[in-house]
C-alpha atoms as a PDB file:
ATOM      1  CA  UNK A   1       2.429  91.786 -14.953  1.00  0.00           C
ATOM      2  CA  UNK A   2      -0.136  89.816 -13.448  1.00  0.00           C
ATOM      3  CA  UNK A   3      -0.356  89.808  -9.557  1.00  0.00           C
ATOM      4  CA  UNK A   4       0.855  85.970  -8.421  1.00  0.00           C
ATOM      5  CA  UNK A   5      -1.827  86.075  -5.878  1.00  0.00           C
ATOM      6  CA  UNK A   6      -4.399  86.597  -8.295  1.00  0.00           C
ATOM      7  CA  UNK A   7      -3.966  82.842  -9.256  1.00  0.00           C
ATOM      8  CA  UNK A   8      -4.077  81.261  -5.875  1.00  0.00           C
ATOM      9  CA  UNK A   9      -7.359  79.863  -4.596  1.00  0.00           C
ATOM     10  CA  UNK A  10      -7.867  81.336  -1.161  1.00  0.00           C
ATOM     11  CA  UNK A  11     -11.247  79.846  -0.016  1.00  0.00           C
ATOM     12  CA  UNK A  12     -10.688  78.869   3.231  1.00  0.00           C
ATOM     13  CA  UNK A  13      -9.441  80.417   6.317  1.00  0.00           C
ATOM     14  CA  UNK A  14      -6.068  77.959   6.714  1.00  0.00           C
ATOM     15  CA  UNK A  15      -5.306  78.568   2.941  1.00  0.00           C
ATOM     16  CA  UNK A  16      -5.217  82.688   3.680  1.00  0.00           C
ATOM     17  CA  UNK A  17      -3.534  81.720   7.025  1.00  0.00           C
ATOM     18  CA  UNK A  18      -0.517  79.883   5.171  1.00  0.00           C
ATOM     19  CA  UNK A  19      -0.023  82.934   2.941  1.00  0.00           C
ATOM     20  CA  UNK A  20      -0.023  85.711   5.335  1.00  0.00           C
ATOM     21  CA  UNK A  21       2.182  83.914   7.798  1.00  0.00           C
ATOM     22  CA  UNK A  22       4.650  83.463   5.043  1.00  0.00           C
ATOM     23  CA  UNK A  23       4.563  86.752   3.716  1.00  0.00           C
ATOM     24  CA  UNK A  24       5.392  87.815   7.676  1.00  0.00           C
ATOM     25  CA  UNK A  25       7.914  85.028   7.877  1.00  0.00           C
ATOM     26  CA  UNK A  26       9.557  86.420   4.670  1.00  0.00           C
ATOM     27  CA  UNK A  27       9.229  90.381   6.009  1.00  0.00           C
ATOM     28  CA  UNK A  28      10.800  89.510   9.350  1.00  0.00           C
ATOM     29  CA  UNK A  29      13.756  87.746   7.369  1.00  0.00           C
ATOM     30  CA  UNK A  30      13.815  90.852   5.137  1.00  0.00           C
ATOM     31  CA  UNK A  31      14.069  93.075   7.796  1.00  0.00           C
ATOM     32  CA  UNK A  32      11.220  94.896   7.081  1.00  0.00           C
ATOM     33  CA  UNK A  33       9.167  94.555  10.321  1.00  0.00           C
ATOM     34  CA  UNK A  34      11.784  96.371  12.289  1.00  0.00           C
ATOM     35  CA  UNK A  35       9.563  97.208  15.300  1.00  0.00           C
ATOM     36  CA  UNK A  36       9.221  93.235  15.947  1.00  0.00           C
ATOM     37  CA  UNK A  37      12.161  91.070  16.931  1.00  0.00           C
ATOM     38  CA  UNK A  38      13.340  88.959  13.989  1.00  0.00           C
ATOM     39  CA  UNK A  39      13.347  85.489  15.604  1.00  0.00           C
ATOM     40  CA  UNK A  40       9.971  85.367  17.683  1.00  0.00           C
ATOM     41  CA  UNK A  41       8.327  86.754  14.607  1.00  0.00           C
ATOM     42  CA  UNK A  42       9.513  84.284  12.294  1.00  0.00           C
ATOM     43  CA  UNK A  43       8.677  81.607  14.770  1.00  0.00           C
ATOM     44  CA  UNK A  44       5.267  82.584  15.081  1.00  0.00           C
ATOM     45  CA  UNK A  45       4.592  83.263  11.696  1.00  0.00           C
ATOM     46  CA  UNK A  46       6.311  79.652  11.176  1.00  0.00           C
ATOM     47  CA  UNK A  47       3.862  77.693  13.555  1.00  0.00           C
ATOM     48  CA  UNK A  48       0.918  79.903  11.902  1.00  0.00           C
ATOM     49  CA  UNK A  49       2.346  78.212   8.582  1.00  0.00           C
ATOM     50  CA  UNK A  50       2.109  74.702  10.106  1.00  0.00           C
ATOM     51  CA  UNK A  51      -1.120  74.989  11.748  1.00  0.00           C
ATOM     52  CA  UNK A  52      -2.702  76.311   8.434  1.00  0.00           C
ATOM     53  CA  UNK A  53      -0.611  73.210   6.594  1.00  0.00           C
ATOM     54  CA  UNK A  54      -1.936  71.005   9.471  1.00  0.00           C
ATOM     55  CA  UNK A  55      -5.818  72.084   9.128  1.00  0.00           C
ATOM     56  CA  UNK A  56      -5.325  71.582   5.404  1.00  0.00           C
ATOM     57  CA  UNK A  57      -4.325  68.507   5.350  1.00  0.00           C
ATOM     58  CA  UNK A  58      -7.391  68.031   7.776  1.00  0.00           C
ATOM     59  CA  UNK A  59     -10.048  69.151   5.245  1.00  0.00           C
ATOM     60  CA  UNK A  60      -9.892  66.854   2.215  1.00  0.00           C
ATOM     61  CA  UNK A  61     -12.307  66.887  -0.685  1.00  0.00           C
ATOM     62  CA  UNK A  62     -14.850  64.558  -0.193  1.00  0.00           C
ATOM     63  CA  UNK A  63     -17.778  63.808  -2.558  1.00  0.00           C
ATOM     64  CA  UNK A  64     -20.631  62.004  -2.281  1.00  0.00           C
ATOM     65  CA  UNK A  65     -23.381  60.657  -4.589  1.00  0.00           C
ATOM     66  CA  UNK A  66     -27.077  61.046  -3.448  1.00  0.00           C
ATOM     67  CA  UNK A  67     -29.560  58.852  -5.268  1.00  0.00           C
ATOM     68  CA  UNK A  68     -32.832  60.686  -6.179  1.00  0.00           C
ATOM     69  CA  UNK A  69     -36.081  61.026  -3.936  1.00  0.00           C
ATOM     70  CA  UNK A  70     -39.140  62.658  -4.131  1.00  0.00           C
ATOM     71  CA  UNK A  71     -37.608  65.740  -2.361  1.00  0.00           C
ATOM     72  CA  UNK A  72     -34.391  65.758  -4.416  1.00  0.00           C
ATOM     73  CA  UNK A  73     -33.153  65.127  -7.827  1.00  0.00           C
ATOM     74  CA  UNK A  74     -30.308  63.452  -6.852  1.00  0.00           C
ATOM     75  CA  UNK A  75     -26.547  64.151  -7.673  1.00  0.00           C
ATOM     76  CA  UNK A  76     -22.913  64.882  -6.315  1.00  0.00           C
ATOM     77  CA  UNK A  77     -22.368  66.646  -3.048  1.00  0.00           C
ATOM     78  CA  UNK A  78     -18.844  67.865  -2.619  1.00  0.00           C
ATOM     79  CA  UNK A  79     -17.585  69.534   0.797  1.00  0.00           C
ATOM     80  CA  UNK A  80     -14.655  70.222   2.950  1.00  0.00           C
ATOM     81  CA  UNK A  81     -15.349  68.345   6.276  1.00  0.00           C
ATOM     82  CA  UNK A  82     -12.654  68.100   8.943  1.00  0.00           C
ATOM     83  CA  UNK A  83     -11.156  64.669   8.703  1.00  0.00           C
ATOM     84  CA  UNK A  84      -8.367  64.468  11.184  1.00  0.00           C
ATOM     85  CA  UNK A  85      -5.326  62.673   9.995  1.00  0.00           C
ATOM     86  CA  UNK A  86      -1.953  61.686  11.697  1.00  0.00           C
ATOM     87  CA  UNK A  87       0.207  63.927   9.642  1.00  0.00           C
ATOM     88  CA  UNK A  88      -2.586  67.173   9.770  1.00  0.00           C
ATOM     89  CA  UNK A  89      -2.446  66.888  13.653  1.00  0.00           C
ATOM     90  CA  UNK A  90       1.418  66.456  14.012  1.00  0.00           C
ATOM     91  CA  UNK A  91       1.429  69.500  11.922  1.00  0.00           C
ATOM     92  CA  UNK A  92      -1.478  71.172  14.076  1.00  0.00           C
ATOM     93  CA  UNK A  93       0.459  70.488  17.498  1.00  0.00           C
ATOM     94  CA  UNK A  94       4.192  71.129  15.848  1.00  0.00           C
ATOM     95  CA  UNK A  95       2.628  74.632  14.927  1.00  0.00           C
ATOM     96  CA  UNK A  96       0.809  75.307  18.513  1.00  0.00           C
ATOM     97  CA  UNK A  97       4.373  74.657  19.869  1.00  0.00           C
ATOM     98  CA  UNK A  98       6.221  76.850  17.440  1.00  0.00           C
ATOM     99  CA  UNK A  99       3.459  79.624  17.995  1.00  0.00           C
ATOM    100  CA  UNK A 100       4.166  78.910  21.939  1.00  0.00           C
ATOM    101  CA  UNK A 101       7.531  79.388  21.950  1.00  0.00           C
ATOM    102  CA  UNK A 102       7.557  82.224  20.102  1.00  0.00           C
ATOM    103  CA  UNK A 103       5.037  84.066  22.359  1.00  0.00           C
ATOM    104  CA  UNK A 104       7.540  83.140  25.130  1.00  0.00           C
ATOM    105  CA  UNK A 105      10.658  84.488  23.081  1.00  0.00           C
ATOM    106  CA  UNK A 106       8.691  87.518  22.596  1.00  0.00           C
ATOM    107  CA  UNK A 107       7.607  88.329  25.624  1.00  0.00           C
ATOM    108  CA  UNK A 108      10.455  87.172  27.614  1.00  0.00           C
END
């Protein structure tokens, strides 16, 4: 049986953050993380998931064509620069609020 994580393309930090926070969320819900309170741990991991999702939306694949010059043969350039979108920033803000609320519940 293949490892399901082997098929994931975890190339960027925000994708890794989403996977790790999802695993922590499921572990907290299943009671595996008994050393930590369930509700604050789940809220913090959910907040981290939303931050990762917002950053994934804010880093879309962008492609540009380079014309040939004397110094460069030309071709296609692809990258993932940050390009903020309203939905991505909204997920970032929601995630930050959930993280702060979870830390408040954890420490209070």
